[in-house]
C-alpha atoms as a PDB file:
ATOM      1  CA  MET A   1     -25.977  13.717  12.044  1.00  0.00           C
ATOM      2  CA  ALA A   2     -23.747  16.643  11.141  1.00  0.00           C
ATOM      3  CA  SER A   3     -23.665  17.533   7.453  1.00  0.00           C
ATOM      4  CA  THR A   4     -19.911  16.927   7.300  1.00  0.00           C
ATOM      5  CA  GLU A   5     -20.208  13.351   8.530  1.00  0.00           C
ATOM      6  CA  LEU A   6     -20.949  10.088   6.758  1.00  0.00           C
ATOM      7  CA  THR A   7     -22.196   6.757   8.010  1.00  0.00           C
ATOM      8  CA  VAL A   8     -20.042   3.740   7.248  1.00  0.00           C
ATOM      9  CA  GLY A   9     -22.555   2.756   4.533  1.00  0.00           C
ATOM     10  CA  GLN A  10     -22.361   6.202   2.942  1.00  0.00           C
ATOM     11  CA  LEU A  11     -18.565   6.150   3.068  1.00  0.00           C
ATOM     12  CA  ALA A  12     -18.596   2.698   1.461  1.00  0.00           C
ATOM     13  CA  GLU A  13     -20.970   3.818  -1.283  1.00  0.00           C
ATOM     14  CA  ARG A  14     -19.130   7.046  -2.036  1.00  0.00           C
ATOM     15  CA  SER A  15     -15.665   5.455  -1.966  1.00  0.00           C
ATOM     16  CA  GLY A  16     -16.519   2.167  -3.670  1.00  0.00           C
ATOM     17  CA  VAL A  17     -14.908   0.268  -0.799  1.00  0.00           C
ATOM     18  CA  ALA A  18     -16.675  -2.501   1.129  1.00  0.00           C
ATOM     19  CA  VAL A  19     -17.834  -1.763   4.668  1.00  0.00           C
ATOM     20  CA  SER A  20     -15.648  -4.613   5.929  1.00  0.00           C
ATOM     21  CA  ALA A  21     -12.590  -3.000   4.312  1.00  0.00           C
ATOM     22  CA  LEU A  22     -13.440   0.332   5.952  1.00  0.00           C
ATOM     23  CA  HIS A  23     -13.675  -1.386   9.323  1.00  0.00           C
ATOM     24  CA  PHE A  24     -10.278  -2.989   8.635  1.00  0.00           C
ATOM     25  CA  TYR A  25      -8.751   0.370   7.654  1.00  0.00           C
ATOM     26  CA  GLU A  26     -10.099   1.842  10.871  1.00  0.00           C
ATOM     27  CA  ARG A  27      -8.624  -0.988  12.977  1.00  0.00           C
ATOM     28  CA  GLN A  28      -5.289  -0.354  11.260  1.00  0.00           C
ATOM     29  CA  GLY A  29      -5.471   3.351  12.130  1.00  0.00           C
ATOM     30  CA  LEU A  30      -5.688   4.477   8.498  1.00  0.00           C
ATOM     31  CA  ILE A  31      -9.060   6.190   8.943  1.00  0.00           C
ATOM     32  CA  SER A  32     -10.977   7.274  12.016  1.00  0.00           C
ATOM     33  CA  SER A  33     -14.529   7.787  13.124  1.00  0.00           C
ATOM     34  CA  ARG A  34     -16.430   8.982  16.116  1.00  0.00           C
ATOM     35  CA  ARG A  35     -19.262   7.112  17.819  1.00  0.00           C
ATOM     36  CA  THR A  36     -22.749   8.518  18.214  1.00  0.00           C
ATOM     37  CA  PRO A  37     -24.668   8.102  21.489  1.00  0.00           C
ATOM     38  CA  GLY A  38     -26.240   5.058  19.771  1.00  0.00           C
ATOM     39  CA  ASN A  39     -22.703   3.642  19.163  1.00  0.00           C
ATOM     40  CA  GLN A  40     -22.818   4.139  15.383  1.00  0.00           C
ATOM     41  CA  ARG A  41     -19.735   5.185  13.455  1.00  0.00           C
ATOM     42  CA  ARG A  42     -19.620   8.626  11.874  1.00  0.00           C
ATOM     43  CA  PHE A  43     -16.800   9.528   9.504  1.00  0.00           C
ATOM     44  CA  ASP A  44     -15.712  13.031   8.624  1.00  0.00           C
ATOM     45  CA  ARG A  45     -15.922  13.665   4.875  1.00  0.00           C
ATOM     46  CA  SER A  46     -12.136  14.055   4.824  1.00  0.00           C
ATOM     47  CA  MET A  47     -11.965  10.266   5.232  1.00  0.00           C
ATOM     48  CA  LEU A  48     -13.161  10.001   1.600  1.00  0.00           C
ATOM     49  CA  ARG A  49      -9.844  11.476   0.504  1.00  0.00           C
ATOM     50  CA  ARG A  50      -7.884   9.161   2.770  1.00  0.00           C
ATOM     51  CA  VAL A  51      -9.737   6.113   1.441  1.00  0.00           C
ATOM     52  CA  ALA A  52      -9.046   7.260  -2.131  1.00  0.00           C
ATOM     53  CA  VAL A  53      -5.339   7.590  -1.334  1.00  0.00           C
ATOM     54  CA  ILE A  54      -5.297   4.170   0.354  1.00  0.00           C
ATOM     55  CA  ARG A  55      -6.870   2.548  -2.707  1.00  0.00           C
ATOM     56  CA  ALA A  56      -4.521   4.313  -5.138  1.00  0.00           C
ATOM     57  CA  ALA A  57      -1.495   3.384  -3.040  1.00  0.00           C
ATOM     58  CA  GLN A  58      -2.622  -0.237  -2.818  1.00  0.00           C
ATOM     59  CA  ARG A  59      -3.021  -0.393  -6.608  1.00  0.00           C
ATOM     60  CA  ALA A  60       0.563   0.834  -6.868  1.00  0.00           C
ATOM     61  CA  GLY A  61       1.671  -1.971  -4.539  1.00  0.00           C
ATOM     62  CA  ILE A  62       2.407   0.157  -1.493  1.00  0.00           C
ATOM     63  CA  PRO A  63       1.925  -1.922   1.673  1.00  0.00           C
ATOM     64  CA  LEU A  64      -0.637  -0.806   4.248  1.00  0.00           C
ATOM     65  CA  ALA A  65       2.122  -0.432   6.847  1.00  0.00           C
ATOM     66  CA  VAL A  66       3.847   2.146   4.642  1.00  0.00           C
ATOM     67  CA  ILE A  67       0.543   3.930   4.070  1.00  0.00           C
ATOM     68  CA  ALA A  68      -0.081   3.977   7.830  1.00  0.00           C
ATOM     69  CA  GLU A  69       3.375   5.412   8.474  1.00  0.00           C
ATOM     70  CA  ALA A  70       2.756   8.170   5.927  1.00  0.00           C
ATOM     71  CA  PHE A  71      -0.670   8.923   7.381  1.00  0.00           C
ATOM     72  CA  SER A  72       0.832   9.210  10.867  1.00  0.00           C
ATOM     73  CA  GLN A  73       2.606  12.330   9.591  1.00  0.00           C
ATOM     74  CA  LEU A  74      -0.663  13.942   8.440  1.00  0.00           C
ATOM     75  CA  PRO A  75      -3.040  16.003  10.571  1.00  0.00           C
ATOM     76  CA  ALA A  76      -5.507  13.697  12.329  1.00  0.00           C
ATOM     77  CA  ASP A  77      -8.209  16.261  12.983  1.00  0.00           C
ATOM     78  CA  GLY A  78      -8.519  17.969   9.631  1.00  0.00           C
ATOM     79  CA  VAL A  79      -8.084  17.756   5.915  1.00  0.00           C
ATOM     80  CA  PRO A  80      -4.445  17.467   4.850  1.00  0.00           C
ATOM     81  CA  ASP A  81      -3.310  20.368   2.706  1.00  0.00           C
ATOM     82  CA  GLN A  82      -1.473  20.356  -0.620  1.00  0.00           C
ATOM     83  CA  ALA A  83       1.952  20.380   1.047  1.00  0.00           C
ATOM     84  CA  ASP A  84       1.019  17.318   3.131  1.00  0.00           C
ATOM     85  CA  TRP A  85      -0.005  15.349   0.052  1.00  0.00           C
ATOM     86  CA  GLN A  86       3.049  16.474  -1.921  1.00  0.00           C
ATOM     87  CA  ARG A  87       5.355  15.257   0.850  1.00  0.00           C
ATOM     88  CA  LEU A  88       3.529  11.923   1.007  1.00  0.00           C
ATOM     89  CA  SER A  89       3.570  11.401  -2.755  1.00  0.00           C
ATOM     90  CA  ALA A  90       7.271  12.297  -3.016  1.00  0.00           C
ATOM     91  CA  ALA A  91       8.162   9.563  -0.528  1.00  0.00           C
ATOM     92  CA  TRP A  92       6.014   7.025  -2.366  1.00  0.00           C
ATOM     93  CA  ARG A  93       7.473   8.089  -5.700  1.00  0.00           C
ATOM     94  CA  ARG A  94      10.955   7.115  -4.482  1.00  0.00           C
ATOM     95  CA  GLU A  95       9.642   3.726  -3.356  1.00  0.00           C
ATOM     96  CA  LEU A  96       7.827   3.183  -6.665  1.00  0.00           C
ATOM     97  CA  ASP A  97      10.901   4.226  -8.681  1.00  0.00           C
ATOM     98  CA  ASP A  98      12.971   1.687  -6.721  1.00  0.00           C
ATOM     99  CA  ARG A  99      10.347  -1.026  -7.294  1.00  0.00           C
ATOM    100  CA  ILE A 100      10.238  -0.215 -11.028  1.00  0.00           C
ATOM    101  CA  HIS A 101      14.035  -0.458 -11.204  1.00  0.00           C
ATOM    102  CA  ARG A 102      14.009  -3.873  -9.479  1.00  0.00           C
ATOM    103  CA  LEU A 103      11.206  -5.145 -11.729  1.00  0.00           C
ATOM    104  CA  GLU A 104      13.016  -3.981 -14.879  1.00  0.00           C
ATOM    105  CA  ALA A 105      16.189  -5.747 -13.729  1.00  0.00           C
ATOM    106  CA  LEU A 106      14.185  -8.892 -13.018  1.00  0.00           C
ATOM    107  CA  ARG A 107      12.508  -8.688 -16.427  1.00  0.00           C
ATOM    108  CA  ASP A 108      15.834  -8.202 -18.206  1.00  0.00           C
ATOM    109  CA  ARG A 109      17.432 -11.205 -16.481  1.00  0.00           C
ATOM    110  CA  LEU A 110      14.398 -13.450 -16.837  1.00  0.00           C
ATOM    111  CA  GLY A 111      14.807 -14.122 -20.566  1.00  0.00           C
ATOM    112  CA  GLY A 112      18.427 -15.145 -20.141  1.00  0.00           C
ATOM    113  CA  CYS A 113      17.568 -17.495 -17.320  1.00  0.00           C
ATOM    114  CA  ILE A 114      14.841 -19.285 -19.210  1.00  0.00           C
ATOM    115  CA  GLY A 115      17.130 -19.677 -22.220  1.00  0.00           C
ATOM    116  CA  CYS A 116      20.256 -20.795 -20.389  1.00  0.00           C
ATOM    117  CA  GLY A 117      19.102 -24.372 -19.830  1.00  0.00           C
ATOM    118  CA  CYS A 118      21.067 -24.883 -16.614  1.00  0.00           C
ATOM    119  CA  LEU A 119      18.028 -26.233 -14.725  1.00  0.00           C
ATOM    120  CA  SER A 120      20.028 -25.981 -11.488  1.00  0.00           C
ATOM    121  CA  LEU A 121      18.787 -23.920  -8.568  1.00  0.00           C
ATOM    122  CA  ALA A 122      22.144 -24.385  -6.859  1.00  0.00           C
ATOM    123  CA  GLU A 123      24.162 -22.896  -9.728  1.00  0.00           C
ATOM    124  CA  CYS A 124      21.661 -20.643 -11.494  1.00  0.00           C
ATOM    125  CA  ARG A 125      23.005 -17.097 -11.824  1.00  0.00           C
ATOM    126  CA  PHE A 126      19.433 -15.804 -11.759  1.00  0.00           C
ATOM    127  CA  VAL A 127      18.246 -17.201  -8.425  1.00  0.00           C
ATOM    128  CA  ASN A 128      21.707 -17.571  -6.919  1.00  0.00           C
ATOM    129  CA  PRO A 129      23.841 -14.848  -8.571  1.00  0.00           C
ATOM    130  CA  ASP A 130      26.864 -15.325  -6.267  1.00  0.00           C
ATOM    131  CA  ASP A 131      26.717 -19.138  -6.439  1.00  0.00           C
ATOM    132  CA  ALA A 132      26.541 -19.271  -2.637  1.00  0.00           C
ATOM    133  CA  ALA A 133      25.348 -22.255  -0.639  1.00  0.00           C
ATOM    134  CA  ARG A 134      22.237 -20.998   1.154  1.00  0.00           C
ATOM    135  CA  GLY A 135      20.469 -24.172   2.151  1.00  0.00           C
ATOM    136  CA  THR A 136      17.770 -26.036   0.317  1.00  0.00           C
ATOM    137  CA  GLY A 137      14.635 -24.697  -1.307  1.00  0.00           C
ATOM    138  CA  SER A 138      13.838 -21.814  -3.540  1.00  0.00           C
ATOM    139  CA  ARG A 139      15.633 -18.484  -3.249  1.00  0.00           C
ATOM    140  CA  VAL A 140      14.255 -14.969  -3.086  1.00  0.00           C
ATOM    141  CA  LEU A 141      14.538 -13.239  -6.463  1.00  0.00           C
ATOM    142  CA  GLU A 142      16.011  -9.797  -5.770  1.00  0.00           C
END
């Protein structure tokens, strides 16, 4: 085994991510490996950084599809440089800022809704701000 490569078990141990999750990430195209003549996976050490970014992005609520799209813009055969990571983080920062704004608006309206006492999903300004007939059932809070 080359000194720059890790087995799936070593990658799991070093990253703190379960082997099954690493296999899932690989199926999703987020990380990659090569196969040995004995059909064992070998991961370049640069995959440690990718796994760390995946985990951090997931903790921030960034969907795997968005992570995959960002990773598709990074070099596949080497370690991304500082400019690559800055570009990626700038795009995610915009998404996180938007999510924070929506959550703050939701938080600020939530207290008023609980206190209003209307108890009507059809007329509630919180779940149905434009008082529009949209069918039965609960509404998406946006």
